[in-house]
Amino acid sequence: MDLQLLVMEVKEQLPIDIGSDVSEEGIWEIVEGLSDGYLHRGNALIVVNGTVISHLSLVDRSKARNFKSGDIVIPVQVRELVLESYSEFTLFYDEQVHFDSTYVVIEYEKGCATVLLEELETRRREVLPAHWFELATVYGGWE
């Protein structure tokens, strides 16, 4: 199955009405149903705007790093799509996330969307999106 063609086919159906009282799990069931299970939360990114799925894209997990516990990670600036919903409208904007810390990886499972880190200076632990660290400098034994 060519996932790019499938994504194009599903995009032709956008916006997809999901109803007003659908849970996140229900939304993914709709996406999986439209794609016979080929698109799911592990390989797709969706944007829900009110009661419709308004955007869908494929996520390339092959670029994800396989961090190991104990790796020292120095992230660089990343850009993040931010979605804020208000009663009358939804606001999308591109936000820059700046880092001024160095982290040690506590736990990460290959392909997972998040990584558990400990900031070296403050010893505070945080769960952060793994894609924020795709361009980070890593010291240690990552694969």
N, C-alpha and C. Protein backbone atom coordinates (compact mmCIF):
# COMPACT_ATOMS: atom_id res chain seq x y z
N MET A 1 0.85 -1.17 0.00
CA MET A 1 0.00 0.00 0.00
C MET A 1 0.89 1.24 0.00
N ASP A 2 0.67 2.13 -0.95
CA ASP A 2 1.38 3.39 -1.01
C ASP A 2 0.66 4.39 -0.10
N LEU A 3 1.25 4.69 1.05
CA LEU A 3 0.59 5.56 2.03
C LEU A 3 0.39 6.97 1.51
N GLN A 4 1.32 7.44 0.66
CA GLN A 4 1.16 8.80 0.11
C GLN A 4 -0.10 8.90 -0.73
N LEU A 5 -0.37 7.89 -1.55
CA LEU A 5 -1.59 7.88 -2.36
C LEU A 5 -2.83 7.79 -1.48
N LEU A 6 -2.74 6.99 -0.43
CA LEU A 6 -3.86 6.88 0.50
C LEU A 6 -4.15 8.20 1.18
N VAL A 7 -3.10 8.90 1.60
CA VAL A 7 -3.27 10.21 2.24
C VAL A 7 -3.93 11.18 1.26
N MET A 8 -3.49 11.17 0.01
CA MET A 8 -4.11 12.05 -1.00
C MET A 8 -5.59 11.72 -1.17
N GLU A 9 -5.92 10.44 -1.16
CA GLU A 9 -7.32 10.01 -1.31
C GLU A 9 -8.17 10.48 -0.12
N VAL A 10 -7.64 10.33 1.09
CA VAL A 10 -8.38 10.77 2.27
C VAL A 10 -8.48 12.29 2.31
N LYS A 11 -7.44 13.00 1.89
CA LYS A 11 -7.46 14.47 1.86
C LYS A 11 -8.55 15.00 0.94
N GLU A 12 -8.87 14.25 -0.12
CA GLU A 12 -9.95 14.67 -1.02
C GLU A 12 -11.30 14.68 -0.32
N GLN A 13 -11.42 13.93 0.79
CA GLN A 13 -12.66 13.86 1.54
C GLN A 13 -12.76 14.93 2.63
N LEU A 14 -11.69 15.69 2.83
CA LEU A 14 -11.67 16.70 3.88
C LEU A 14 -12.55 17.88 3.51
N PRO A 15 -13.18 18.55 4.44
CA PRO A 15 -13.23 18.23 5.87
C PRO A 15 -14.17 17.05 6.13
N ILE A 16 -13.80 16.24 7.11
CA ILE A 16 -14.57 15.05 7.48
C ILE A 16 -15.32 15.35 8.77
N ASP A 17 -16.64 15.27 8.73
CA ASP A 17 -17.47 15.55 9.89
C ASP A 17 -17.32 14.44 10.91
N ILE A 18 -17.03 14.79 12.17
CA ILE A 18 -16.84 13.79 13.23
C ILE A 18 -17.89 13.88 14.32
N GLY A 19 -18.77 14.88 14.24
CA GLY A 19 -19.77 15.06 15.29
C GLY A 19 -19.22 15.89 16.43
N SER A 20 -20.08 16.20 17.37
CA SER A 20 -19.67 17.12 18.44
C SER A 20 -19.16 16.44 19.70
N ASP A 21 -19.54 15.21 19.96
CA ASP A 21 -19.16 14.54 21.20
C ASP A 21 -18.31 13.30 20.95
N VAL A 22 -17.28 13.44 20.11
CA VAL A 22 -16.43 12.30 19.78
C VAL A 22 -15.12 12.44 20.55
N SER A 23 -14.69 11.35 21.18
CA SER A 23 -13.43 11.34 21.92
C SER A 23 -12.26 11.25 20.95
N GLU A 24 -11.06 11.45 21.47
CA GLU A 24 -9.86 11.33 20.65
C GLU A 24 -9.77 9.93 20.06
N GLU A 25 -10.08 8.93 20.87
CA GLU A 25 -10.05 7.55 20.39
C GLU A 25 -11.05 7.35 19.25
N GLY A 26 -12.23 7.97 19.38
CA GLY A 26 -13.24 7.88 18.33
C GLY A 26 -12.80 8.54 17.03
N ILE A 27 -12.07 9.64 17.15
CA ILE A 27 -11.56 10.33 15.97
C ILE A 27 -10.58 9.44 15.22
N TRP A 28 -9.67 8.78 15.97
CA TRP A 28 -8.71 7.89 15.32
C TRP A 28 -9.41 6.68 14.72
N GLU A 29 -10.50 6.22 15.33
CA GLU A 29 -11.26 5.11 14.74
C GLU A 29 -11.85 5.53 13.39
N ILE A 30 -12.29 6.77 13.27
CA ILE A 30 -12.81 7.27 12.00
C ILE A 30 -11.71 7.27 10.95
N VAL A 31 -10.52 7.79 11.32
CA VAL A 31 -9.40 7.84 10.37
C VAL A 31 -8.98 6.43 9.96
N GLU A 32 -8.89 5.53 10.93
CA GLU A 32 -8.51 4.15 10.62
C GLU A 32 -9.56 3.48 9.74
N GLY A 33 -10.83 3.78 9.98
CA GLY A 33 -11.90 3.22 9.16
C GLY A 33 -11.84 3.70 7.72
N LEU A 34 -11.54 4.97 7.53
CA LEU A 34 -11.43 5.52 6.17
C LEU A 34 -10.26 4.94 5.40
N SER A 35 -9.25 4.49 6.11
CA SER A 35 -8.03 4.01 5.46
C SER A 35 -7.82 2.51 5.62
N ASP A 36 -8.85 1.79 6.02
CA ASP A 36 -8.75 0.34 6.27
C ASP A 36 -7.63 0.00 7.24
N GLY A 37 -7.38 0.89 8.20
CA GLY A 37 -6.39 0.65 9.24
C GLY A 37 -4.97 1.05 8.89
N TYR A 38 -4.74 1.53 7.67
CA TYR A 38 -3.38 1.90 7.28
C TYR A 38 -2.92 3.21 7.90
N LEU A 39 -3.83 4.14 8.16
CA LEU A 39 -3.48 5.40 8.82
C LEU A 39 -3.93 5.31 10.27
N HIS A 40 -3.04 5.64 11.18
CA HIS A 40 -3.32 5.57 12.61
C HIS A 40 -2.45 6.59 13.33
N ARG A 41 -2.61 6.68 14.65
CA ARG A 41 -1.87 7.70 15.40
C ARG A 41 -0.36 7.52 15.35
N GLY A 42 0.13 6.37 14.95
CA GLY A 42 1.56 6.14 14.86
C GLY A 42 2.19 6.65 13.57
N ASN A 43 1.37 6.88 12.52
CA ASN A 43 1.96 7.32 11.27
C ASN A 43 1.25 8.52 10.64
N ALA A 44 0.27 9.07 11.33
CA ALA A 44 -0.47 10.20 10.77
C ALA A 44 -0.62 11.32 11.80
N LEU A 45 -0.81 12.52 11.27
CA LEU A 45 -1.06 13.69 12.10
C LEU A 45 -2.36 14.31 11.58
N ILE A 46 -3.31 14.58 12.47
CA ILE A 46 -4.56 15.18 12.06
C ILE A 46 -4.81 16.45 12.85
N VAL A 47 -5.58 17.35 12.27
CA VAL A 47 -6.01 18.57 12.95
C VAL A 47 -7.53 18.55 12.98
N VAL A 48 -8.08 18.66 14.17
CA VAL A 48 -9.52 18.71 14.34
C VAL A 48 -9.90 20.16 14.59
N ASN A 49 -10.79 20.65 13.78
CA ASN A 49 -11.24 22.04 13.88
C ASN A 49 -12.74 22.02 14.14
N GLY A 50 -13.12 22.20 15.40
CA GLY A 50 -14.53 22.14 15.77
C GLY A 50 -15.05 20.72 15.68
N THR A 51 -15.94 20.47 14.74
CA THR A 51 -16.54 19.14 14.59
C THR A 51 -16.08 18.45 13.31
N VAL A 52 -14.98 18.91 12.72
CA VAL A 52 -14.47 18.29 11.49
C VAL A 52 -12.97 18.03 11.58
N ILE A 53 -12.52 17.01 10.87
CA ILE A 53 -11.09 16.81 10.66
C ILE A 53 -10.74 17.68 9.47
N SER A 54 -9.91 18.69 9.68
CA SER A 54 -9.64 19.67 8.63
C SER A 54 -8.31 19.44 7.91
N HIS A 55 -7.36 18.75 8.54
CA HIS A 55 -6.05 18.52 7.92
C HIS A 55 -5.58 17.12 8.29
N LEU A 56 -4.83 16.50 7.38
CA LEU A 56 -4.25 15.19 7.62
C LEU A 56 -2.92 15.12 6.89
N SER A 57 -1.90 14.62 7.56
CA SER A 57 -0.61 14.43 6.90
C SER A 57 0.05 13.17 7.45
N LEU A 58 0.99 12.67 6.69
CA LEU A 58 1.73 11.48 7.06
C LEU A 58 2.96 11.89 7.86
N VAL A 59 3.27 11.16 8.93
CA VAL A 59 4.43 11.44 9.76
C VAL A 59 5.50 10.41 9.42
N ASP A 60 6.71 10.88 9.11
CA ASP A 60 7.81 10.00 8.76
C ASP A 60 8.58 9.62 10.02
N ARG A 61 8.29 8.46 10.56
CA ARG A 61 8.95 8.00 11.79
C ARG A 61 10.37 7.49 11.52
N SER A 62 10.75 7.33 10.24
CA SER A 62 12.09 6.83 9.95
C SER A 62 13.16 7.83 10.35
N LYS A 63 12.79 9.11 10.50
CA LYS A 63 13.75 10.14 10.89
C LYS A 63 13.94 10.20 12.41
N ALA A 64 13.09 9.50 13.13
CA ALA A 64 13.16 9.55 14.60
C ALA A 64 14.42 8.87 15.10
N ARG A 65 15.00 9.43 16.11
CA ARG A 65 16.20 8.85 16.71
C ARG A 65 15.80 7.80 17.72
N ASN A 66 16.73 6.91 17.98
CA ASN A 66 16.50 5.89 18.99
C ASN A 66 17.40 6.22 20.18
N PHE A 67 16.92 7.11 21.05
CA PHE A 67 17.68 7.50 22.22
C PHE A 67 17.77 6.34 23.21
N LYS A 68 18.86 6.30 23.93
CA LYS A 68 19.04 5.30 25.00
C LYS A 68 19.08 6.01 26.33
N SER A 69 18.69 5.32 27.38
CA SER A 69 18.79 5.88 28.72
C SER A 69 20.23 6.28 28.99
N GLY A 70 20.43 7.48 29.52
CA GLY A 70 21.76 7.97 29.83
C GLY A 70 22.35 8.86 28.76
N ASP A 71 21.76 8.91 27.57
CA ASP A 71 22.25 9.82 26.53
C ASP A 71 22.11 11.26 27.00
N ILE A 72 23.11 12.08 26.71
CA ILE A 72 23.07 13.51 26.98
C ILE A 72 22.58 14.19 25.71
N VAL A 73 21.53 14.99 25.83
CA VAL A 73 20.89 15.60 24.67
C VAL A 73 20.94 17.12 24.81
N ILE A 74 21.46 17.77 23.78
CA ILE A 74 21.49 19.24 23.73
C ILE A 74 20.61 19.66 22.55
N PRO A 75 19.37 20.05 22.84
CA PRO A 75 18.45 20.41 21.75
C PRO A 75 18.72 21.81 21.21
N VAL A 76 18.28 22.02 19.99
CA VAL A 76 18.34 23.33 19.37
C VAL A 76 16.91 23.84 19.24
N GLN A 77 16.77 25.00 18.71
CA GLN A 77 15.45 25.61 18.53
C GLN A 77 14.60 24.75 17.58
N VAL A 78 13.31 24.62 17.90
CA VAL A 78 12.38 23.90 17.04
C VAL A 78 11.16 24.77 16.79
N ARG A 79 10.39 24.40 15.77
CA ARG A 79 9.14 25.09 15.48
C ARG A 79 8.00 24.13 15.76
N GLU A 80 6.93 24.63 16.33
CA GLU A 80 5.80 23.80 16.71
C GLU A 80 4.52 24.47 16.25
N LEU A 81 3.63 23.70 15.62
CA LEU A 81 2.32 24.22 15.25
C LEU A 81 1.46 24.27 16.50
N VAL A 82 0.90 25.43 16.80
CA VAL A 82 0.07 25.61 17.99
C VAL A 82 -1.36 25.83 17.53
N LEU A 83 -2.28 25.19 18.21
CA LEU A 83 -3.70 25.30 17.90
C LEU A 83 -4.42 25.78 19.16
N GLU A 84 -5.08 26.93 19.07
CA GLU A 84 -5.86 27.45 20.18
C GLU A 84 -7.30 27.63 19.71
N SER A 85 -8.23 27.04 20.44
CA SER A 85 -9.64 27.14 20.07
C SER A 85 -10.37 28.07 21.02
N TYR A 86 -11.16 28.93 20.45
CA TYR A 86 -12.04 29.82 21.19
C TYR A 86 -13.46 29.52 20.75
N SER A 87 -14.43 30.09 21.41
CA SER A 87 -15.82 29.77 21.09
C SER A 87 -16.18 30.13 19.65
N GLU A 88 -15.64 31.21 19.12
CA GLU A 88 -16.00 31.65 17.77
C GLU A 88 -15.02 31.21 16.69
N PHE A 89 -13.78 30.92 17.04
CA PHE A 89 -12.79 30.64 16.01
C PHE A 89 -11.66 29.78 16.56
N THR A 90 -10.84 29.28 15.65
CA THR A 90 -9.65 28.51 15.99
C THR A 90 -8.45 29.22 15.41
N LEU A 91 -7.39 29.34 16.20
CA LEU A 91 -6.19 30.05 15.79
C LEU A 91 -5.04 29.06 15.63
N PHE A 92 -4.40 29.07 14.46
CA PHE A 92 -3.22 28.27 14.20
C PHE A 92 -2.03 29.22 14.07
N TYR A 93 -0.92 28.89 14.68
CA TYR A 93 0.28 29.69 14.46
C TYR A 93 1.52 28.84 14.71
N ASP A 94 2.61 29.29 14.17
CA ASP A 94 3.89 28.62 14.25
C ASP A 94 4.66 29.25 15.41
N GLU A 95 5.01 28.46 16.40
CA GLU A 95 5.73 28.99 17.56
C GLU A 95 7.13 28.41 17.61
N GLN A 96 8.10 29.25 17.95
CA GLN A 96 9.47 28.78 18.11
C GLN A 96 9.68 28.40 19.57
N VAL A 97 10.26 27.22 19.78
CA VAL A 97 10.59 26.75 21.12
C VAL A 97 12.10 26.83 21.27
N HIS A 98 12.55 27.59 22.26
CA HIS A 98 13.99 27.76 22.50
C HIS A 98 14.41 26.93 23.71
N PHE A 99 15.59 26.39 23.66
CA PHE A 99 16.13 25.60 24.77
C PHE A 99 17.39 26.28 25.28
N ASP A 100 17.56 26.26 26.59
CA ASP A 100 18.78 26.77 27.18
C ASP A 100 19.33 25.77 28.19
N SER A 101 18.97 24.50 28.00
CA SER A 101 19.36 23.46 28.94
C SER A 101 19.92 22.25 28.21
N THR A 102 20.55 21.42 29.00
CA THR A 102 21.01 20.12 28.54
C THR A 102 20.24 19.07 29.34
N TYR A 103 19.88 17.99 28.66
CA TYR A 103 19.05 16.96 29.28
C TYR A 103 19.74 15.61 29.22
N VAL A 104 19.36 14.73 30.14
CA VAL A 104 19.77 13.34 30.09
C VAL A 104 18.49 12.52 29.87
N VAL A 105 18.58 11.54 28.97
CA VAL A 105 17.43 10.70 28.65
C VAL A 105 17.22 9.70 29.79
N ILE A 106 16.03 9.71 30.35
CA ILE A 106 15.68 8.75 31.40
C ILE A 106 15.04 7.52 30.78
N GLU A 107 14.06 7.76 29.89
CA GLU A 107 13.39 6.63 29.26
C GLU A 107 12.85 7.04 27.90
N TYR A 108 13.02 6.14 26.93
CA TYR A 108 12.48 6.35 25.59
C TYR A 108 12.29 5.00 24.93
N GLU A 109 11.10 4.79 24.37
CA GLU A 109 10.84 3.57 23.62
C GLU A 109 10.83 3.91 22.14
N LYS A 110 11.49 3.11 21.35
CA LYS A 110 11.62 3.37 19.91
C LYS A 110 10.25 3.60 19.27
N GLY A 111 10.15 4.71 18.52
CA GLY A 111 8.91 5.04 17.83
C GLY A 111 7.91 5.79 18.68
N CYS A 112 8.21 5.98 19.96
CA CYS A 112 7.29 6.68 20.86
C CYS A 112 7.29 8.18 20.54
N ALA A 113 6.16 8.82 20.76
CA ALA A 113 6.03 10.24 20.45
C ALA A 113 6.65 11.14 21.51
N THR A 114 6.93 10.60 22.70
CA THR A 114 7.48 11.41 23.78
C THR A 114 8.73 10.75 24.36
N VAL A 115 9.51 11.57 25.05
CA VAL A 115 10.72 11.08 25.71
C VAL A 115 10.76 11.67 27.12
N LEU A 116 11.10 10.83 28.12
CA LEU A 116 11.25 11.28 29.51
C LEU A 116 12.68 11.74 29.70
N LEU A 117 12.85 13.01 30.08
CA LEU A 117 14.16 13.63 30.23
C LEU A 117 14.32 14.24 31.61
N GLU A 118 15.58 14.40 32.02
CA GLU A 118 15.88 15.13 33.24
C GLU A 118 16.82 16.27 32.87
N GLU A 119 16.42 17.49 33.24
CA GLU A 119 17.25 18.65 32.97
C GLU A 119 18.46 18.57 33.91
N LEU A 120 19.65 18.68 33.36
CA LEU A 120 20.86 18.48 34.17
C LEU A 120 21.04 19.56 35.24
N GLU A 121 20.72 20.80 34.92
CA GLU A 121 20.95 21.89 35.86
C GLU A 121 20.00 21.84 37.05
N THR A 122 18.71 21.63 36.80
CA THR A 122 17.71 21.69 37.87
C THR A 122 17.30 20.33 38.40
N ARG A 123 17.66 19.26 37.67
CA ARG A 123 17.28 17.87 38.00
C ARG A 123 15.76 17.65 37.88
N ARG A 124 15.07 18.59 37.20
CA ARG A 124 13.62 18.46 37.00
C ARG A 124 13.38 17.51 35.83
N ARG A 125 12.40 16.61 36.00
CA ARG A 125 12.05 15.67 34.95
C ARG A 125 10.86 16.18 34.15
N GLU A 126 10.93 15.96 32.83
CA GLU A 126 9.86 16.40 31.93
C GLU A 126 9.63 15.36 30.86
N VAL A 127 8.39 15.25 30.43
CA VAL A 127 8.04 14.44 29.26
C VAL A 127 7.83 15.42 28.12
N LEU A 128 8.66 15.32 27.07
CA LEU A 128 8.61 16.26 25.96
C LEU A 128 8.43 15.50 24.64
N PRO A 129 7.91 16.16 23.61
CA PRO A 129 7.75 15.50 22.31
C PRO A 129 9.10 15.08 21.73
N ALA A 130 9.18 13.86 21.26
CA ALA A 130 10.44 13.33 20.71
C ALA A 130 10.87 14.10 19.47
N HIS A 131 9.93 14.61 18.68
CA HIS A 131 10.32 15.31 17.45
C HIS A 131 11.05 16.62 17.74
N TRP A 132 10.96 17.13 18.97
CA TRP A 132 11.71 18.32 19.32
C TRP A 132 13.22 18.04 19.33
N PHE A 133 13.60 16.77 19.41
CA PHE A 133 15.00 16.42 19.58
C PHE A 133 15.60 15.73 18.34
N GLU A 134 14.90 15.81 17.20
CA GLU A 134 15.41 15.19 15.98
C GLU A 134 16.71 15.84 15.50
N LEU A 135 16.86 17.14 15.74
CA LEU A 135 18.06 17.85 15.31
C LEU A 135 19.03 18.13 16.46
N ALA A 136 18.78 17.54 17.60
CA ALA A 136 19.62 17.78 18.78
C ALA A 136 20.98 17.12 18.63
N THR A 137 21.94 17.67 19.35
CA THR A 137 23.24 17.04 19.46
C THR A 137 23.13 16.01 20.59
N VAL A 138 23.57 14.78 20.32
CA VAL A 138 23.43 13.71 21.30
C VAL A 138 24.80 13.14 21.61
N TYR A 139 25.11 13.01 22.89
CA TYR A 139 26.35 12.39 23.33
C TYR A 139 25.98 11.13 24.09
N GLY A 140 26.52 10.04 23.67
CA GLY A 140 26.22 8.77 24.33
C GLY A 140 26.18 7.67 23.30
N GLY A 141 25.51 6.59 23.64
CA GLY A 141 25.51 5.43 22.78
C GLY A 141 24.23 5.20 22.02
N TRP A 142 23.60 6.27 21.51
CA TRP A 142 22.36 6.04 20.75
C TRP A 142 22.67 5.33 19.44
N GLU A 143 21.68 4.56 19.00
CA GLU A 143 21.85 3.73 17.79
C GLU A 143 21.62 4.52 16.54
